Amino acid sequence: MKILGLLALAAPQAVGGQAVIEGVMMRARNTLAIAIRKSDGTITTEVRPWFTLVRHPWLKKPFLRGFPVLMETMVNGIKALNYSAVQAADDDDEEGELTTWHLVLTMVLALGAALGLFVVLPHFLSVGMEYLGLAGDVDSLSFHLWDGFIKMLIFVGYILAISYIPDIRRVFQYHGAEHKVIWTWEQGGELSPDSTRFHSRLHPRCGTAFLLFVLVVSIVLYAVLVPYLLLFYSPEHFVAKHLYIVVMKLFLMIPVSCVAYEMIKFAGKYSGNILCKMMCWPGMMLQLLTTKEPDDSQIEVAIAALRCAVNAEEC
């Protein structure tokens, strides 16, 4: 679908988004829209209901909603990425979409890879630091400082490594376009490349900032809670002890994600506050790696996604 003319904005509602392959996914309330730039230069859009896990009132409460929101965001994000891959390849075959079982398998593999890379691997590398005499035992602060430092190195190193892949660099450009368009929307501006391109490609509510909050919160909670877990139960065998702690860390990712979610909600809501600016600054700096300056054609795609998300009946 071609997006013609300019879209003037009224009182904006809260929106969020995600870069996908040759496009952008935007969410407004219970609707998501995916806009993809096809190989022939046209823009195709798809409007869908937002899959949610927080229907029960208890799951909407602060410090309980973070983990289910993270899970539903992953589900919607993976489905949007799959749709974009099919459309970018000019494959209109609906069988190219993920089935429920494929989606579950993809979720399990993605979660397993993330937990293995950012929970299990840093823990056992920190055990190596303990073996070298550079860290204390697992109940010491030095162990968890090494754990956090290694997590940060892996995280930043991973982003730097994939940024050299041309296709990923284009995704990062669409990520920048998504942020610019959201800034324009939130400030009540006119949605057009001319008025959007000068906005920042960095945004305080970005998923990159959320991941950084997760890393920081995990360092603090692990340093505080792991010694108490060992007081409750501590296997005598060295290997069993560390396997026990790793399993506990995997379960602790649930409260970690809940706390990190509330932090990013707070920081985004009061982004003008000096304390919130300080909280957001590391995440904003990290976005210098995960976003790139988009061109006007990529901004047009982000505009198309936002337009359909907030006015689904027009798409």
C-alpha atoms as a PDB file:
ATOM      1  CA  MET A   1       0.000   0.000   0.000  1.00  0.00           C
ATOM      2  CA  LYS A   2       1.302   3.461  -0.928  1.00  0.00           C
ATOM      3  CA  ILE A   3       1.250   6.113   1.766  1.00  0.00           C
ATOM      4  CA  LEU A   4       0.205   9.373   0.148  1.00  0.00           C
ATOM      5  CA  GLY A   5       0.214  12.859   1.578  1.00  0.00           C
ATOM      6  CA  LEU A   6       0.952  13.956   5.143  1.00  0.00           C
ATOM      7  CA  LEU A   7      -0.613  12.880   8.398  1.00  0.00           C
ATOM      8  CA  ALA A   8      -1.360  15.631  10.885  1.00  0.00           C
ATOM      9  CA  LEU A   9      -1.506  14.470  14.468  1.00  0.00           C
ATOM     10  CA  ALA A  10      -4.087  15.111  17.148  1.00  0.00           C
ATOM     11  CA  ALA A  11      -3.657  14.245  20.827  1.00  0.00           C
ATOM     12  CA  PRO A  12      -1.253  11.301  20.678  1.00  0.00           C
ATOM     13  CA  GLN A  13      -1.856   7.975  22.355  1.00  0.00           C
ATOM     14  CA  ALA A  14       0.998   5.832  23.624  1.00  0.00           C
ATOM     15  CA  VAL A  15       2.726   3.853  20.895  1.00  0.00           C
ATOM     16  CA  GLY A  16       5.682   1.513  20.688  1.00  0.00           C
ATOM     17  CA  GLY A  17       7.498  -0.305  17.962  1.00  0.00           C
ATOM     18  CA  GLN A  18      10.143  -2.659  16.695  1.00  0.00           C
ATOM     19  CA  ALA A  19      12.313  -2.783  13.613  1.00  0.00           C
ATOM     20  CA  VAL A  20      11.870  -5.842  11.393  1.00  0.00           C
ATOM     21  CA  ILE A  21      13.374  -6.993   8.088  1.00  0.00           C
ATOM     22  CA  GLU A  22      12.929  -4.125   5.600  1.00  0.00           C
ATOM     23  CA  GLY A  23      10.258  -2.600   7.770  1.00  0.00           C
ATOM     24  CA  VAL A  24       8.788  -1.538  11.093  1.00  0.00           C
ATOM     25  CA  MET A  25       6.158  -2.919  13.441  1.00  0.00           C
ATOM     26  CA  MET A  26       4.167  -0.391  15.488  1.00  0.00           C
ATOM     27  CA  ARG A  27       1.748  -0.991  18.340  1.00  0.00           C
ATOM     28  CA  ALA A  28      -1.065   1.286  19.522  1.00  0.00           C
ATOM     29  CA  ARG A  29      -3.274  -0.065  22.318  1.00  0.00           C
ATOM     30  CA  ASN A  30      -4.522  -3.496  21.212  1.00  0.00           C
ATOM     31  CA  THR A  31      -3.464  -3.205  17.581  1.00  0.00           C
ATOM     32  CA  LEU A  32      -0.177  -3.769  15.823  1.00  0.00           C
ATOM     33  CA  ALA A  33       0.689  -2.853  12.274  1.00  0.00           C
ATOM     34  CA  ILE A  34       3.618  -4.060  10.192  1.00  0.00           C
ATOM     35  CA  ALA A  35       4.840  -2.052   7.204  1.00  0.00           C
ATOM     36  CA  ILE A  36       7.348  -3.578   4.784  1.00  0.00           C
ATOM     37  CA  ARG A  37       9.187  -2.060   1.806  1.00  0.00           C
ATOM     38  CA  LYS A  38       8.831  -4.549  -1.042  1.00  0.00           C
ATOM     39  CA  SER A  39      11.535  -5.073  -3.652  1.00  0.00           C
ATOM     40  CA  ASP A  40       9.490  -3.095  -6.208  1.00  0.00           C
ATOM     41  CA  GLY A  41       9.535  -0.043  -3.929  1.00  0.00           C
ATOM     42  CA  THR A  42       5.936  -0.238  -2.709  1.00  0.00           C
ATOM     43  CA  ILE A  43       4.946  -0.425   0.945  1.00  0.00           C
ATOM     44  CA  THR A  44       2.726  -3.276   2.091  1.00  0.00           C
ATOM     45  CA  THR A  45       0.988  -3.162   5.489  1.00  0.00           C
ATOM     46  CA  GLU A  46      -0.587  -5.747   7.742  1.00  0.00           C
ATOM     47  CA  VAL A  47      -2.835  -4.910  10.708  1.00  0.00           C
ATOM     48  CA  ARG A  48      -3.301  -7.496  13.461  1.00  0.00           C
ATOM     49  CA  PRO A  49      -4.627  -7.648  17.025  1.00  0.00           C
ATOM     50  CA  TRP A  50      -1.925  -7.508  19.690  1.00  0.00           C
ATOM     51  CA  PHE A  51      -1.476 -10.904  21.323  1.00  0.00           C
ATOM     52  CA  THR A  52      -1.606 -10.341  25.082  1.00  0.00           C
ATOM     53  CA  LEU A  53      -0.982 -12.371  28.238  1.00  0.00           C
ATOM     54  CA  VAL A  54      -2.145  -9.714  30.714  1.00  0.00           C
ATOM     55  CA  ARG A  55      -5.917 -10.032  30.517  1.00  0.00           C
ATOM     56  CA  HIS A  56      -6.288 -10.884  34.218  1.00  0.00           C
ATOM     57  CA  PRO A  57      -6.352  -7.757  36.447  1.00  0.00           C
ATOM     58  CA  TRP A  58      -3.604  -9.161  38.705  1.00  0.00           C
ATOM     59  CA  LEU A  59      -1.215  -9.438  35.767  1.00  0.00           C
ATOM     60  CA  LYS A  60      -1.650  -5.725  35.050  1.00  0.00           C
ATOM     61  CA  LYS A  61      -0.374  -4.651  38.447  1.00  0.00           C
ATOM     62  CA  PRO A  62       3.088  -3.054  38.857  1.00  0.00           C
ATOM     63  CA  PHE A  63       5.908  -5.511  39.576  1.00  0.00           C
ATOM     64  CA  LEU A  64       3.750  -8.402  38.309  1.00  0.00           C
ATOM     65  CA  ARG A  65       3.188  -7.304  34.711  1.00  0.00           C
ATOM     66  CA  GLY A  66       6.806  -7.127  33.572  1.00  0.00           C
ATOM     67  CA  PHE A  67       7.444 -10.801  32.792  1.00  0.00           C
ATOM     68  CA  PRO A  68       4.148 -11.518  30.953  1.00  0.00           C
ATOM     69  CA  VAL A  69       4.603  -8.269  28.987  1.00  0.00           C
ATOM     70  CA  LEU A  70       8.109  -9.407  28.043  1.00  0.00           C
ATOM     71  CA  MET A  71       6.751 -12.791  26.882  1.00  0.00           C
ATOM     72  CA  GLU A  72       3.917 -11.300  24.831  1.00  0.00           C
ATOM     73  CA  THR A  73       6.320  -8.796  23.279  1.00  0.00           C
ATOM     74  CA  MET A  74       8.564 -11.668  22.229  1.00  0.00           C
ATOM     75  CA  VAL A  75       5.630 -13.545  20.683  1.00  0.00           C
ATOM     76  CA  ASN A  76       4.412 -10.517  18.719  1.00  0.00           C
ATOM     77  CA  GLY A  77       7.968  -9.574  17.759  1.00  0.00           C
ATOM     78  CA  ILE A  78       8.873 -13.025  16.447  1.00  0.00           C
ATOM     79  CA  LYS A  79       5.641 -13.213  14.437  1.00  0.00           C
ATOM     80  CA  ALA A  80       6.297  -9.745  13.003  1.00  0.00           C
ATOM     81  CA  LEU A  81       9.879 -10.714  12.067  1.00  0.00           C
ATOM     82  CA  ASN A  82       8.619 -13.865  10.361  1.00  0.00           C
ATOM     83  CA  TYR A  83       6.002 -11.900   8.417  1.00  0.00           C
ATOM     84  CA  SER A  84       8.595  -9.332   7.346  1.00  0.00           C
ATOM     85  CA  ALA A  85      10.979 -12.051   6.152  1.00  0.00           C
ATOM     86  CA  VAL A  86       8.225 -13.568   4.011  1.00  0.00           C
ATOM     87  CA  GLN A  87       7.192 -10.191   2.561  1.00  0.00           C
ATOM     88  CA  ALA A  88      10.736  -8.946   1.984  1.00  0.00           C
ATOM     89  CA  ALA A  89      11.388 -12.121  -0.010  1.00  0.00           C
ATOM     90  CA  ASP A  90       8.273 -11.341  -2.116  1.00  0.00           C
ATOM     91  CA  ASP A  91       6.683 -14.577  -0.941  1.00  0.00           C
ATOM     92  CA  ASP A  92       2.906 -14.119  -0.650  1.00  0.00           C
ATOM     93  CA  ASP A  93       2.383 -17.728   0.380  1.00  0.00           C
ATOM     94  CA  GLU A  94       0.637 -17.747   3.774  1.00  0.00           C
ATOM     95  CA  GLU A  95       2.288 -21.083   4.508  1.00  0.00           C
ATOM     96  CA  GLY A  96       5.486 -19.121   5.019  1.00  0.00           C
ATOM     97  CA  GLU A  97       4.049 -17.857   8.332  1.00  0.00           C
ATOM     98  CA  LEU A  98       4.973 -19.622  11.567  1.00  0.00           C
ATOM     99  CA  THR A  99       2.558 -22.252  12.862  1.00  0.00           C
ATOM    100  CA  THR A 100       1.785 -22.375  16.585  1.00  0.00           C
ATOM    101  CA  TRP A 101       4.266 -25.209  17.137  1.00  0.00           C
ATOM    102  CA  HIS A 102       6.955 -23.433  15.113  1.00  0.00           C
ATOM    103  CA  LEU A 103       6.343 -20.292  17.168  1.00  0.00           C
ATOM    104  CA  VAL A 104       6.664 -22.214  20.448  1.00  0.00           C
ATOM    105  CA  LEU A 105       9.864 -23.890  19.245  1.00  0.00           C
ATOM    106  CA  THR A 106      11.292 -20.541  18.111  1.00  0.00           C
ATOM    107  CA  MET A 107      10.425 -18.981  21.491  1.00  0.00           C
ATOM    108  CA  VAL A 108      12.061 -21.839  23.382  1.00  0.00           C
ATOM    109  CA  LEU A 109      15.211 -21.664  21.254  1.00  0.00           C
ATOM    110  CA  ALA A 110      15.407 -17.859  21.520  1.00  0.00           C
ATOM    111  CA  LEU A 111      14.943 -17.914  25.305  1.00  0.00           C
ATOM    112  CA  GLY A 112      17.403 -20.767  25.674  1.00  0.00           C
ATOM    113  CA  ALA A 113      20.034 -18.955  23.622  1.00  0.00           C
ATOM    114  CA  ALA A 114      19.540 -15.688  25.525  1.00  0.00           C
ATOM    115  CA  LEU A 115      19.661 -17.334  28.953  1.00  0.00           C
ATOM    116  CA  GLY A 116      22.653 -19.432  27.957  1.00  0.00           C
ATOM    117  CA  LEU A 117      24.559 -16.431  26.636  1.00  0.00           C
ATOM    118  CA  PHE A 118      23.685 -13.920  29.350  1.00  0.00           C
ATOM    119  CA  VAL A 119      23.120 -16.079  32.460  1.00  0.00           C
ATOM    120  CA  VAL A 120      24.871 -19.449  32.200  1.00  0.00           C
ATOM    121  CA  LEU A 121      28.038 -18.436  30.309  1.00  0.00           C
ATOM    122  CA  PRO A 122      28.855 -15.365  32.476  1.00  0.00           C
ATOM    123  CA  HIS A 123      28.345 -17.417  35.624  1.00  0.00           C
ATOM    124  CA  PHE A 124      30.829 -20.108  34.644  1.00  0.00           C
ATOM    125  CA  LEU A 125      33.316 -17.559  33.313  1.00  0.00           C
ATOM    126  CA  SER A 126      33.076 -15.928  36.757  1.00  0.00           C
ATOM    127  CA  VAL A 127      33.808 -19.349  38.262  1.00  0.00           C
ATOM    128  CA  GLY A 128      36.962 -19.234  36.143  1.00  0.00           C
ATOM    129  CA  MET A 129      37.829 -15.882  37.711  1.00  0.00           C
ATOM    130  CA  GLU A 130      37.339 -17.456  41.135  1.00  0.00           C
ATOM    131  CA  TYR A 131      39.666 -20.306  40.108  1.00  0.00           C
ATOM    132  CA  LEU A 132      42.309 -17.739  39.060  1.00  0.00           C
ATOM    133  CA  GLY A 133      42.026 -16.011  42.411  1.00  0.00           C
ATOM    134  CA  LEU A 134      40.465 -12.850  40.918  1.00  0.00           C
ATOM    135  CA  ALA A 135      37.046 -13.297  42.530  1.00  0.00           C
ATOM    136  CA  GLY A 136      35.597 -14.693  45.715  1.00  0.00           C
ATOM    137  CA  ASP A 137      33.099 -17.519  46.066  1.00  0.00           C
ATOM    138  CA  VAL A 138      29.599 -17.307  44.604  1.00  0.00           C
ATOM    139  CA  ASP A 139      28.261 -15.644  47.759  1.00  0.00           C
ATOM    140  CA  SER A 140      30.747 -12.749  47.489  1.00  0.00           C
ATOM    141  CA  LEU A 141      30.183  -9.357  45.873  1.00  0.00           C
ATOM    142  CA  SER A 142      33.327  -9.702  43.730  1.00  0.00           C
ATOM    143  CA  PHE A 143      31.907 -12.822  42.047  1.00  0.00           C
ATOM    144  CA  HIS A 144      28.745 -10.980  40.994  1.00  0.00           C
ATOM    145  CA  LEU A 145      30.675  -7.908  39.870  1.00  0.00           C
ATOM    146  CA  TRP A 146      32.678 -10.160  37.533  1.00  0.00           C
ATOM    147  CA  ASP A 147      29.427 -11.816  36.455  1.00  0.00           C
ATOM    148  CA  GLY A 148      27.909  -8.436  35.583  1.00  0.00           C
ATOM    149  CA  PHE A 149      31.059  -7.162  33.865  1.00  0.00           C
ATOM    150  CA  ILE A 150      31.234 -10.281  31.676  1.00  0.00           C
ATOM    151  CA  LYS A 151      27.526  -9.930  30.807  1.00  0.00           C
ATOM    152  CA  MET A 152      28.126  -6.363  29.669  1.00  0.00           C
ATOM    153  CA  LEU A 153      31.123  -7.396  27.561  1.00  0.00           C
ATOM    154  CA  ILE A 154      29.136 -10.174  25.889  1.00  0.00           C
ATOM    155  CA  PHE A 155      26.148  -7.885  25.297  1.00  0.00           C
ATOM    156  CA  VAL A 156      28.114  -5.013  23.775  1.00  0.00           C
ATOM    157  CA  GLY A 157      30.404  -7.369  21.875  1.00  0.00           C
ATOM    158  CA  TYR A 158      27.420  -9.204  20.389  1.00  0.00           C
ATOM    159  CA  ILE A 159      25.810  -5.949  19.224  1.00  0.00           C
ATOM    160  CA  LEU A 160      29.092  -4.709  17.745  1.00  0.00           C
ATOM    161  CA  ALA A 161      29.646  -8.006  15.930  1.00  0.00           C
ATOM    162  CA  ILE A 162      26.218  -8.185  14.293  1.00  0.00           C
ATOM    163  CA  SER A 163      26.300  -4.478  13.361  1.00  0.00           C
ATOM    164  CA  TYR A 164      28.837  -5.348  10.643  1.00  0.00           C
ATOM    165  CA  ILE A 165      26.294  -7.586   8.896  1.00  0.00           C
ATOM    166  CA  PRO A 166      24.716  -5.485   6.083  1.00  0.00           C
ATOM    167  CA  ASP A 167      21.182  -6.825   6.641  1.00  0.00           C
ATOM    168  CA  ILE A 168      21.398  -6.138  10.383  1.00  0.00           C
ATOM    169  CA  ARG A 169      22.691  -2.629   9.691  1.00  0.00           C
ATOM    170  CA  ARG A 170      19.535  -1.997   7.632  1.00  0.00           C
ATOM    171  CA  VAL A 171      17.432  -3.288  10.547  1.00  0.00           C
ATOM    172  CA  PHE A 172      19.269  -0.808  12.789  1.00  0.00           C
ATOM    173  CA  GLN A 173      18.373   1.960  10.303  1.00  0.00           C
ATOM    174  CA  TYR A 174      14.703   0.981  10.518  1.00  0.00           C
ATOM    175  CA  HIS A 175      15.142   0.987  14.302  1.00  0.00           C
ATOM    176  CA  GLY A 176      16.274   4.604  14.038  1.00  0.00           C
ATOM    177  CA  ALA A 177      13.322   5.411  11.772  1.00  0.00           C
ATOM    178  CA  GLU A 178      10.922   3.874  14.290  1.00  0.00           C
ATOM    179  CA  HIS A 179      12.283   6.108  17.079  1.00  0.00           C
ATOM    180  CA  LYS A 180      12.184   9.265  14.959  1.00  0.00           C
ATOM    181  CA  VAL A 181       8.563   8.666  13.985  1.00  0.00           C
ATOM    182  CA  ILE A 182       7.552   7.913  17.595  1.00  0.00           C
ATOM    183  CA  TRP A 183       9.230  11.167  18.734  1.00  0.00           C
ATOM    184  CA  THR A 184       7.275  13.068  16.067  1.00  0.00           C
ATOM    185  CA  TRP A 185       4.034  11.424  17.164  1.00  0.00           C
ATOM    186  CA  GLU A 186       4.635  12.086  20.858  1.00  0.00           C
ATOM    187  CA  GLN A 187       5.439  15.742  20.231  1.00  0.00           C
ATOM    188  CA  GLY A 188       2.323  16.241  18.095  1.00  0.00           C
ATOM    189  CA  GLY A 189       4.218  16.985  14.916  1.00  0.00           C
ATOM    190  CA  GLU A 190       3.351  16.347  11.296  1.00  0.00           C
ATOM    191  CA  LEU A 191       4.269  12.881  10.096  1.00  0.00           C
ATOM    192  CA  SER A 192       6.371  13.360   7.000  1.00  0.00           C
ATOM    193  CA  PRO A 193      10.021  12.677   6.202  1.00  0.00           C
ATOM    194  CA  ASP A 194      10.747  16.406   6.176  1.00  0.00           C
ATOM    195  CA  SER A 195       9.497  16.991   9.728  1.00  0.00           C
ATOM    196  CA  THR A 196      10.634  13.633  11.118  1.00  0.00           C
ATOM    197  CA  ARG A 197      14.219  13.224   9.964  1.00  0.00           C
ATOM    198  CA  PHE A 198      15.552  15.857  12.398  1.00  0.00           C
ATOM    199  CA  HIS A 199      14.285  14.045  15.499  1.00  0.00           C
ATOM    200  CA  SER A 200      16.658  11.910  17.564  1.00  0.00           C
ATOM    201  CA  ARG A 201      17.098   8.242  16.681  1.00  0.00           C
ATOM    202  CA  LEU A 202      17.468   7.546  20.431  1.00  0.00           C
ATOM    203  CA  HIS A 203      14.458   6.970  22.714  1.00  0.00           C
ATOM    204  CA  PRO A 204      14.283   6.334  26.494  1.00  0.00           C
ATOM    205  CA  ARG A 205      11.672   3.551  26.195  1.00  0.00           C
ATOM    206  CA  CYS A 206      13.693   1.513  23.709  1.00  0.00           C
ATOM    207  CA  GLY A 207      14.054  -2.254  24.168  1.00  0.00           C
ATOM    208  CA  THR A 208      17.825  -1.770  24.187  1.00  0.00           C
ATOM    209  CA  ALA A 209      17.480   0.337  27.343  1.00  0.00           C
ATOM    210  CA  PHE A 210      15.207  -2.322  28.836  1.00  0.00           C
ATOM    211  CA  LEU A 211      17.851  -5.017  28.277  1.00  0.00           C
ATOM    212  CA  LEU A 212      20.431  -2.806  29.963  1.00  0.00           C
ATOM    213  CA  PHE A 213      18.092  -2.356  32.944  1.00  0.00           C
ATOM    214  CA  VAL A 214      17.697  -6.164  33.052  1.00  0.00           C
ATOM    215  CA  LEU A 215      21.470  -6.601  33.192  1.00  0.00           C
ATOM    216  CA  VAL A 216      21.911  -4.003  35.946  1.00  0.00           C
ATOM    217  CA  VAL A 217      18.993  -5.291  38.052  1.00  0.00           C
ATOM    218  CA  SER A 218      20.227  -8.873  37.687  1.00  0.00           C
ATOM    219  CA  ILE A 219      23.653  -7.894  39.069  1.00  0.00           C
ATOM    220  CA  VAL A 220      22.074  -6.263  42.134  1.00  0.00           C
ATOM    221  CA  LEU A 221      19.485  -8.975  42.820  1.00  0.00           C
ATOM    222  CA  TYR A 222      21.946 -11.814  42.326  1.00  0.00           C
ATOM    223  CA  ALA A 223      24.455 -10.179  44.676  1.00  0.00           C
ATOM    224  CA  VAL A 224      21.747  -9.787  47.347  1.00  0.00           C
ATOM    225  CA  LEU A 225      19.680 -12.968  46.913  1.00  0.00           C
ATOM    226  CA  VAL A 226      22.256 -15.646  46.042  1.00  0.00           C
ATOM    227  CA  PRO A 227      23.912 -15.572  49.524  1.00  0.00           C
ATOM    228  CA  TYR A 228      20.438 -16.010  51.089  1.00  0.00           C
ATOM    229  CA  LEU A 229      19.675 -18.921  48.765  1.00  0.00           C
ATOM    230  CA  LEU A 230      22.907 -20.572  49.888  1.00  0.00           C
ATOM    231  CA  LEU A 231      21.904 -20.104  53.525  1.00  0.00           C
ATOM    232  CA  PHE A 232      18.668 -21.924  52.753  1.00  0.00           C
ATOM    233  CA  TYR A 233      20.344 -24.742  50.816  1.00  0.00           C
ATOM    234  CA  SER A 234      23.961 -25.179  49.771  1.00  0.00           C
ATOM    235  CA  PRO A 235      25.127 -28.402  48.045  1.00  0.00           C
ATOM    236  CA  GLU A 236      28.494 -29.562  49.269  1.00  0.00           C
ATOM    237  CA  HIS A 237      29.812 -30.622  45.856  1.00  0.00           C
ATOM    238  CA  PHE A 238      31.387 -27.719  43.927  1.00  0.00           C
ATOM    239  CA  VAL A 239      29.714 -28.515  40.585  1.00  0.00           C
ATOM    240  CA  ALA A 240      26.318 -29.227  42.163  1.00  0.00           C
ATOM    241  CA  LYS A 241      26.504 -25.946  44.064  1.00  0.00           C
ATOM    242  CA  HIS A 242      27.068 -23.879  40.935  1.00  0.00           C
ATOM    243  CA  LEU A 243      24.454 -25.774  38.920  1.00  0.00           C
ATOM    244  CA  TYR A 244      21.986 -25.078  41.724  1.00  0.00           C
ATOM    245  CA  ILE A 245      22.807 -21.348  41.647  1.00  0.00           C
ATOM    246  CA  VAL A 246      22.521 -21.202  37.841  1.00  0.00           C
ATOM    247  CA  VAL A 247      19.063 -22.808  37.972  1.00  0.00           C
ATOM    248  CA  MET A 248      18.013 -20.330  40.664  1.00  0.00           C
ATOM    249  CA  LYS A 249      19.330 -17.470  38.520  1.00  0.00           C
ATOM    250  CA  LEU A 250      17.159 -18.640  35.624  1.00  0.00           C
ATOM    251  CA  PHE A 251      14.074 -18.485  37.866  1.00  0.00           C
ATOM    252  CA  LEU A 252      15.168 -15.112  39.253  1.00  0.00           C
ATOM    253  CA  MET A 253      14.952 -13.672  35.725  1.00  0.00           C
ATOM    254  CA  ILE A 254      11.203 -13.397  36.331  1.00  0.00           C
ATOM    255  CA  PRO A 255      11.472 -10.819  39.174  1.00  0.00           C
ATOM    256  CA  VAL A 256      14.452  -9.231  37.383  1.00  0.00           C
ATOM    257  CA  SER A 257      12.348  -8.559  34.281  1.00  0.00           C
ATOM    258  CA  CYS A 258       9.456  -7.273  36.420  1.00  0.00           C
ATOM    259  CA  VAL A 259      11.659  -4.748  38.222  1.00  0.00           C
ATOM    260  CA  ALA A 260      13.413  -3.684  34.998  1.00  0.00           C
ATOM    261  CA  TYR A 261      10.039  -3.121  33.305  1.00  0.00           C
ATOM    262  CA  GLU A 262       8.879  -0.790  36.068  1.00  0.00           C
ATOM    263  CA  MET A 263      12.165   1.096  35.867  1.00  0.00           C
ATOM    264  CA  ILE A 264      11.861   1.746  32.147  1.00  0.00           C
ATOM    265  CA  LYS A 265       8.179   2.705  32.510  1.00  0.00           C
ATOM    266  CA  PHE A 266       9.102   5.191  35.216  1.00  0.00           C
ATOM    267  CA  ALA A 267      12.058   6.584  33.283  1.00  0.00           C
ATOM    268  CA  GLY A 268       9.984   6.967  30.117  1.00  0.00           C
ATOM    269  CA  LYS A 269       7.052   8.614  31.908  1.00  0.00           C
ATOM    270  CA  TYR A 270       9.231  11.197  33.660  1.00  0.00           C
ATOM    271  CA  SER A 271      11.898  11.543  30.979  1.00  0.00           C
ATOM    272  CA  GLY A 272      12.301  15.250  31.737  1.00  0.00           C
ATOM    273  CA  ASN A 273      13.295  14.583  35.347  1.00  0.00           C
ATOM    274  CA  ILE A 274      17.044  14.832  36.027  1.00  0.00           C
ATOM    275  CA  LEU A 275      17.090  11.472  37.877  1.00  0.00           C
ATOM    276  CA  CYS A 276      15.281   9.768  35.000  1.00  0.00           C
ATOM    277  CA  LYS A 277      17.664  11.342  32.516  1.00  0.00           C
ATOM    278  CA  MET A 278      20.550   9.866  34.468  1.00  0.00           C
ATOM    279  CA  MET A 279      18.811   6.461  34.510  1.00  0.00           C
ATOM    280  CA  CYS A 280      18.201   6.619  30.756  1.00  0.00           C
ATOM    281  CA  TRP A 281      21.628   7.916  29.734  1.00  0.00           C
ATOM    282  CA  PRO A 282      23.473   4.527  29.588  1.00  0.00           C
ATOM    283  CA  GLY A 283      20.642   2.986  27.570  1.00  0.00           C
ATOM    284  CA  MET A 284      20.551   5.978  25.223  1.00  0.00           C
ATOM    285  CA  MET A 285      24.296   5.681  24.659  1.00  0.00           C
ATOM    286  CA  LEU A 286      23.931   1.973  23.915  1.00  0.00           C
ATOM    287  CA  GLN A 287      21.348   2.877  21.281  1.00  0.00           C
ATOM    288  CA  LEU A 288      24.139   4.571  19.362  1.00  0.00           C
ATOM    289  CA  LEU A 289      25.065   0.971  18.474  1.00  0.00           C
ATOM    290  CA  THR A 290      21.571  -0.469  17.903  1.00  0.00           C
ATOM    291  CA  THR A 291      20.232   2.403  15.781  1.00  0.00           C
ATOM    292  CA  LYS A 292      21.554   4.023  12.624  1.00  0.00           C
ATOM    293  CA  GLU A 293      20.419   7.114  10.764  1.00  0.00           C
ATOM    294  CA  PRO A 294      17.629   6.111   8.353  1.00  0.00           C
ATOM    295  CA  ASP A 295      16.951   7.498   4.899  1.00  0.00           C
ATOM    296  CA  ASP A 296      13.621   9.046   3.894  1.00  0.00           C
ATOM    297  CA  SER A 297      12.322   5.826   2.346  1.00  0.00           C
ATOM    298  CA  GLN A 298      12.789   4.021   5.666  1.00  0.00           C
ATOM    299  CA  ILE A 299      11.091   6.852   7.552  1.00  0.00           C
ATOM    300  CA  GLU A 300       8.131   6.506   5.148  1.00  0.00           C
ATOM    301  CA  VAL A 301       7.812   2.841   6.119  1.00  0.00           C
ATOM    302  CA  ALA A 302       7.778   3.713   9.834  1.00  0.00           C
ATOM    303  CA  ILE A 303       5.125   6.382   9.162  1.00  0.00           C
ATOM    304  CA  ALA A 304       3.018   3.808   7.307  1.00  0.00           C
ATOM    305  CA  ALA A 305       3.236   1.395  10.258  1.00  0.00           C
ATOM    306  CA  LEU A 306       2.266   4.071  12.791  1.00  0.00           C
ATOM    307  CA  ARG A 307      -0.584   5.343  10.613  1.00  0.00           C
ATOM    308  CA  CYS A 308      -2.098   1.864  10.382  1.00  0.00           C
ATOM    309  CA  ALA A 309      -1.565   1.122  14.089  1.00  0.00           C
ATOM    310  CA  VAL A 310      -3.519   4.201  15.227  1.00  0.00           C
ATOM    311  CA  ASN A 311      -6.048   4.177  12.358  1.00  0.00           C
ATOM    312  CA  ALA A 312      -6.478   0.496  11.555  1.00  0.00           C
ATOM    313  CA  GLU A 313      -9.783   1.038   9.778  1.00  0.00           C
ATOM    314  CA  GLU A 314      -8.039   3.130   7.109  1.00  0.00           C
ATOM    315  CA  CYS A 315      -5.578   0.376   6.144  1.00  0.00           C
END
